[in-house]
Amino acid sequence: MLFSVDFSILVNETFQTVHWAFIPADSVSECREVAREMRESIPESKNHHVHIFIEQ
């Protein structure tokens, strides 16, 4: 399966996409693990944490 993944931060009570990717994986769990690894390369600040949204 191919999953669309948005990496977003919360700004003024609205999620703003800072990065997106298509991730091939056999399950949502596998996709989540790959997305978590990718999230490590996206810089975070104390005020903005990167959230992961997975869409099938």
PDB file of N, CA and C in Angstrom:
ATOM      1  N   MET A   1       0.838  -1.181   0.000  1.00  0.00           N
ATOM      2  CA  MET A   1       0.000   0.000   0.000  1.00  0.00           C
ATOM      3  C   MET A   1       0.882   1.242   0.000  1.00  0.00           C
ATOM      4  N   LEU A   2       0.312   2.311  -0.483  1.00  0.00           N
ATOM      5  CA  LEU A   2       1.012   3.589  -0.493  1.00  0.00           C
ATOM      6  C   LEU A   2       0.246   4.553   0.410  1.00  0.00           C
ATOM      7  N   PHE A   3       0.923   5.101   1.393  1.00  0.00           N
ATOM      8  CA  PHE A   3       0.307   6.008   2.352  1.00  0.00           C
ATOM      9  C   PHE A   3       0.800   7.429   2.123  1.00  0.00           C
ATOM     10  N   SER A   4      -0.101   8.379   2.226  1.00  0.00           N
ATOM     11  CA  SER A   4       0.245   9.791   2.185  1.00  0.00           C
ATOM     12  C   SER A   4       0.408  10.253   3.629  1.00  0.00           C
ATOM     13  N   VAL A   5       1.549  10.876   3.920  1.00  0.00           N
ATOM     14  CA  VAL A   5       1.847  11.273   5.294  1.00  0.00           C
ATOM     15  C   VAL A   5       2.151  12.764   5.342  1.00  0.00           C
ATOM     16  N   ASP A   6       1.446  13.472   6.219  1.00  0.00           N
ATOM     17  CA  ASP A   6       1.690  14.897   6.458  1.00  0.00           C
ATOM     18  C   ASP A   6       2.408  15.047   7.792  1.00  0.00           C
ATOM     19  N   PHE A   7       3.452  15.853   7.789  1.00  0.00           N
ATOM     20  CA  PHE A   7       4.162  16.215   9.004  1.00  0.00           C
ATOM     21  C   PHE A   7       3.792  17.669   9.263  1.00  0.00           C
ATOM     22  N   SER A   8       3.112  17.925  10.362  1.00  0.00           N
ATOM     23  CA  SER A   8       2.548  19.253  10.615  1.00  0.00           C
ATOM     24  C   SER A   8       2.912  19.776  11.989  1.00  0.00           C
ATOM     25  N   ILE A   9       2.848  21.104  12.115  1.00  0.00           N
ATOM     26  CA  ILE A   9       3.013  21.758  13.409  1.00  0.00           C
ATOM     27  C   ILE A   9       1.735  22.532  13.707  1.00  0.00           C
ATOM     28  N   LEU A  10       1.469  22.758  14.970  1.00  0.00           N
ATOM     29  CA  LEU A  10       0.286  23.489  15.401  1.00  0.00           C
ATOM     30  C   LEU A  10       0.651  24.958  15.578  1.00  0.00           C
ATOM     31  N   VAL A  11       0.002  25.817  14.772  1.00  0.00           N
ATOM     32  CA  VAL A  11       0.235  27.261  14.824  1.00  0.00           C
ATOM     33  C   VAL A  11      -1.121  27.946  14.943  1.00  0.00           C
ATOM     34  N   ASN A  12      -1.302  28.702  16.017  1.00  0.00           N
ATOM     35  CA  ASN A  12      -2.569  29.415  16.237  1.00  0.00           C
ATOM     36  C   ASN A  12      -3.778  28.491  16.108  1.00  0.00           C
ATOM     37  N   GLU A  13      -3.699  27.334  16.755  1.00  0.00           N
ATOM     38  CA  GLU A  13      -4.784  26.343  16.795  1.00  0.00           C
ATOM     39  C   GLU A  13      -5.116  25.743  15.430  1.00  0.00           C
ATOM     40  N   THR A  14      -4.190  25.839  14.469  1.00  0.00           N
ATOM     41  CA  THR A  14      -4.367  25.265  13.141  1.00  0.00           C
ATOM     42  C   THR A  14      -3.115  24.480  12.776  1.00  0.00           C
ATOM     43  N   PHE A  15      -3.305  23.278  12.229  1.00  0.00           N
ATOM     44  CA  PHE A  15      -2.155  22.486  11.811  1.00  0.00           C
ATOM     45  C   PHE A  15      -1.658  22.986  10.463  1.00  0.00           C
ATOM     46  N   GLN A  16      -0.345  23.194  10.367  1.00  0.00           N
ATOM     47  CA  GLN A  16       0.309  23.650   9.146  1.00  0.00           C
ATOM     48  C   GLN A  16       1.305  22.573   8.710  1.00  0.00           C
ATOM     49  N   THR A  17       1.174  22.112   7.470  1.00  0.00           N
ATOM     50  CA  THR A  17       2.077  21.089   6.954  1.00  0.00           C
ATOM     51  C   THR A  17       3.462  21.687   6.721  1.00  0.00           C
ATOM     52  N   VAL A  18       4.481  21.014   7.236  1.00  0.00           N
ATOM     53  CA  VAL A  18       5.858  21.457   7.030  1.00  0.00           C
ATOM     54  C   VAL A  18       6.613  20.490   6.116  1.00  0.00           C
ATOM     55  N   HIS A  19       6.060  19.284   5.934  1.00  0.00           N
ATOM     56  CA  HIS A  19       6.679  18.285   5.062  1.00  0.00           C
ATOM     57  C   HIS A  19       5.622  17.234   4.764  1.00  0.00           C
ATOM     58  N   TRP A  20       5.686  16.615   3.596  1.00  0.00           N
ATOM     59  CA  TRP A  20       4.794  15.488   3.302  1.00  0.00           C
ATOM     60  C   TRP A  20       5.571  14.458   2.509  1.00  0.00           C
ATOM     61  N   ALA A  21       5.080  13.226   2.550  1.00  0.00           N
ATOM     62  CA  ALA A  21       5.758  12.141   1.849  1.00  0.00           C
ATOM     63  C   ALA A  21       4.758  11.030   1.522  1.00  0.00           C
ATOM     64  N   PHE A  22       5.084  10.276   0.464  1.00  0.00           N
ATOM     65  CA  PHE A  22       4.376   9.035   0.172  1.00  0.00           C
ATOM     66  C   PHE A  22       5.263   7.920   0.704  1.00  0.00           C
ATOM     67  N   ILE A  23       4.685   7.052   1.532  1.00  0.00           N
ATOM     68  CA  ILE A  23       5.456   5.974   2.144  1.00  0.00           C
ATOM     69  C   ILE A  23       4.835   4.635   1.756  1.00  0.00           C
ATOM     70  N   PRO A  24       5.591   3.785   1.042  1.00  0.00           N
ATOM     71  CA  PRO A  24       5.091   2.438   0.753  1.00  0.00           C
ATOM     72  C   PRO A  24       5.281   1.552   1.986  1.00  0.00           C
ATOM     73  N   ALA A  25       4.224   0.866   2.390  1.00  0.00           N
ATOM     74  CA  ALA A  25       4.290  -0.006   3.567  1.00  0.00           C
ATOM     75  C   ALA A  25       3.174  -1.040   3.475  1.00  0.00           C
ATOM     76  N   ASP A  26       3.360  -2.139   4.193  1.00  0.00           N
ATOM     77  CA  ASP A  26       2.355  -3.213   4.201  1.00  0.00           C
ATOM     78  C   ASP A  26       1.229  -2.958   5.192  1.00  0.00           C
ATOM     79  N   SER A  27       1.459  -2.057   6.174  1.00  0.00           N
ATOM     80  CA  SER A  27       0.439  -1.785   7.181  1.00  0.00           C
ATOM     81  C   SER A  27       0.616  -0.361   7.711  1.00  0.00           C
ATOM     82  N   VAL A  28      -0.394   0.108   8.430  1.00  0.00           N
ATOM     83  CA  VAL A  28      -0.309   1.430   9.052  1.00  0.00           C
ATOM     84  C   VAL A  28       0.801   1.448  10.092  1.00  0.00           C
ATOM     85  N   SER A  29       0.946   0.358  10.823  1.00  0.00           N
ATOM     86  CA  SER A  29       1.999   0.276  11.844  1.00  0.00           C
ATOM     87  C   SER A  29       3.388   0.429  11.228  1.00  0.00           C
ATOM     88  N   GLU A  30       3.614  -0.233  10.119  1.00  0.00           N
ATOM     89  CA  GLU A  30       4.898  -0.124   9.431  1.00  0.00           C
ATOM     90  C   GLU A  30       5.105   1.299   8.909  1.00  0.00           C
ATOM     91  N   CYS A  31       4.064   1.889   8.359  1.00  0.00           N
ATOM     92  CA  CYS A  31       4.127   3.266   7.873  1.00  0.00           C
ATOM     93  C   CYS A  31       4.455   4.219   9.021  1.00  0.00           C
ATOM     94  N   ARG A  32       3.819   4.016  10.163  1.00  0.00           N
ATOM     95  CA  ARG A  32       4.051   4.864  11.327  1.00  0.00           C
ATOM     96  C   ARG A  32       5.513   4.813  11.760  1.00  0.00           C
ATOM     97  N   GLU A  33       6.106   3.627  11.748  1.00  0.00           N
ATOM     98  CA  GLU A  33       7.514   3.485  12.134  1.00  0.00           C
ATOM     99  C   GLU A  33       8.427   4.244  11.172  1.00  0.00           C
ATOM    100  N   VAL A  34       8.168   4.125   9.878  1.00  0.00           N
ATOM    101  CA  VAL A  34       8.967   4.841   8.886  1.00  0.00           C
ATOM    102  C   VAL A  34       8.778   6.350   9.064  1.00  0.00           C
ATOM    103  N   ALA A  35       7.534   6.781   9.284  1.00  0.00           N
ATOM    104  CA  ALA A  35       7.255   8.205   9.477  1.00  0.00           C
ATOM    105  C   ALA A  35       7.951   8.747  10.724  1.00  0.00           C
ATOM    106  N   ARG A  36       7.993   7.977  11.787  1.00  0.00           N
ATOM    107  CA  ARG A  36       8.684   8.411  13.005  1.00  0.00           C
ATOM    108  C   ARG A  36      10.173   8.599  12.750  1.00  0.00           C
ATOM    109  N   GLU A  37      10.760   7.709  11.963  1.00  0.00           N
ATOM    110  CA  GLU A  37      12.172   7.854  11.612  1.00  0.00           C
ATOM    111  C   GLU A  37      12.391   9.117  10.775  1.00  0.00           C
ATOM    112  N   MET A  38      11.483   9.373   9.841  1.00  0.00           N
ATOM    113  CA  MET A  38      11.588  10.568   9.001  1.00  0.00           C
ATOM    114  C   MET A  38      11.425  11.840   9.839  1.00  0.00           C
ATOM    115  N   ARG A  39      10.536  11.798  10.825  1.00  0.00           N
ATOM    116  CA  ARG A  39      10.270  12.964  11.667  1.00  0.00           C
ATOM    117  C   ARG A  39      11.534  13.412  12.408  1.00  0.00           C
ATOM    118  N   GLU A  40      12.412  12.492  12.726  1.00  0.00           N
ATOM    119  CA  GLU A  40      13.651  12.834  13.439  1.00  0.00           C
ATOM    120  C   GLU A  40      14.520  13.806  12.646  1.00  0.00           C
ATOM    121  N   SER A  41      14.390  13.814  11.317  1.00  0.00           N
ATOM    122  CA  SER A  41      15.207  14.714  10.501  1.00  0.00           C
ATOM    123  C   SER A  41      14.578  16.102  10.337  1.00  0.00           C
ATOM    124  N   ILE A  42      13.353  16.274  10.841  1.00  0.00           N
ATOM    125  CA  ILE A  42      12.678  17.567  10.760  1.00  0.00           C
ATOM    126  C   ILE A  42      12.934  18.330  12.051  1.00  0.00           C
ATOM    127  N   PRO A  43      13.523  19.524  11.960  1.00  0.00           N
ATOM    128  CA  PRO A  43      13.832  20.279  13.185  1.00  0.00           C
ATOM    129  C   PRO A  43      12.567  20.683  13.949  1.00  0.00           C
ATOM    130  N   GLU A  44      12.634  20.573  15.272  1.00  0.00           N
ATOM    131  CA  GLU A  44      11.534  20.989  16.146  1.00  0.00           C
ATOM    132  C   GLU A  44      12.035  22.077  17.085  1.00  0.00           C
ATOM    133  N   SER A  45      11.104  22.885  17.545  1.00  0.00           N
ATOM    134  CA  SER A  45      11.443  23.865  18.573  1.00  0.00           C
ATOM    135  C   SER A  45      10.639  23.542  19.817  1.00  0.00           C
ATOM    136  N   LYS A  46      10.880  24.268  20.889  1.00  0.00           N
ATOM    137  CA  LYS A  46      10.127  24.037  22.121  1.00  0.00           C
ATOM    138  C   LYS A  46       8.649  24.352  21.933  1.00  0.00           C
ATOM    139  N   ASN A  47       8.338  25.283  21.040  1.00  0.00           N
ATOM    140  CA  ASN A  47       6.953  25.709  20.831  1.00  0.00           C
ATOM    141  C   ASN A  47       6.234  24.905  19.747  1.00  0.00           C
ATOM    142  N   HIS A  48       6.971  24.290  18.845  1.00  0.00           N
ATOM    143  CA  HIS A  48       6.354  23.590  17.720  1.00  0.00           C
ATOM    144  C   HIS A  48       6.866  22.162  17.634  1.00  0.00           C
ATOM    145  N   HIS A  49       5.989  21.222  17.942  1.00  0.00           N
ATOM    146  CA  HIS A  49       6.322  19.807  17.825  1.00  0.00           C
ATOM    147  C   HIS A  49       5.685  19.279  16.541  1.00  0.00           C
ATOM    148  N   VAL A  50       6.384  18.404  15.848  1.00  0.00           N
ATOM    149  CA  VAL A  50       5.902  17.861  14.582  1.00  0.00           C
ATOM    150  C   VAL A  50       4.937  16.706  14.863  1.00  0.00           C
ATOM    151  N   HIS A  51       3.743  16.797  14.283  1.00  0.00           N
ATOM    152  CA  HIS A  51       2.714  15.764  14.403  1.00  0.00           C
ATOM    153  C   HIS A  51       2.644  15.004  13.081  1.00  0.00           C
ATOM    154  N   ILE A  52       2.318  13.724  13.156  1.00  0.00           N
ATOM    155  CA  ILE A  52       2.235  12.875  11.966  1.00  0.00           C
ATOM    156  C   ILE A  52       0.771  12.536  11.690  1.00  0.00           C
ATOM    157  N   PHE A  53       0.342  12.756  10.435  1.00  0.00           N
ATOM    158  CA  PHE A  53      -1.007  12.382  10.012  1.00  0.00           C
ATOM    159  C   PHE A  53      -0.867  11.430   8.821  1.00  0.00           C
ATOM    160  N   ILE A  54      -1.426  10.237   8.951  1.00  0.00           N
ATOM    161  CA  ILE A  54      -1.312   9.202   7.921  1.00  0.00           C
ATOM    162  C   ILE A  54      -2.663   9.018   7.249  1.00  0.00           C
ATOM    163  N   GLU A  55      -2.625   9.035   5.907  1.00  0.00           N
ATOM    164  CA  GLU A  55      -3.844   8.832   5.124  1.00  0.00           C
ATOM    165  C   GLU A  55      -3.590   7.702   4.146  1.00  0.00           C
ATOM    166  N   GLN A  56      -4.575   6.859   3.970  1.00  0.00           N
ATOM    167  CA  GLN A  56      -4.415   5.700   3.099  1.00  0.00           C
ATOM    168  C   GLN A  56      -4.840   6.017   1.707  1.00  0.00           C
TER     169      GLN A  56
END
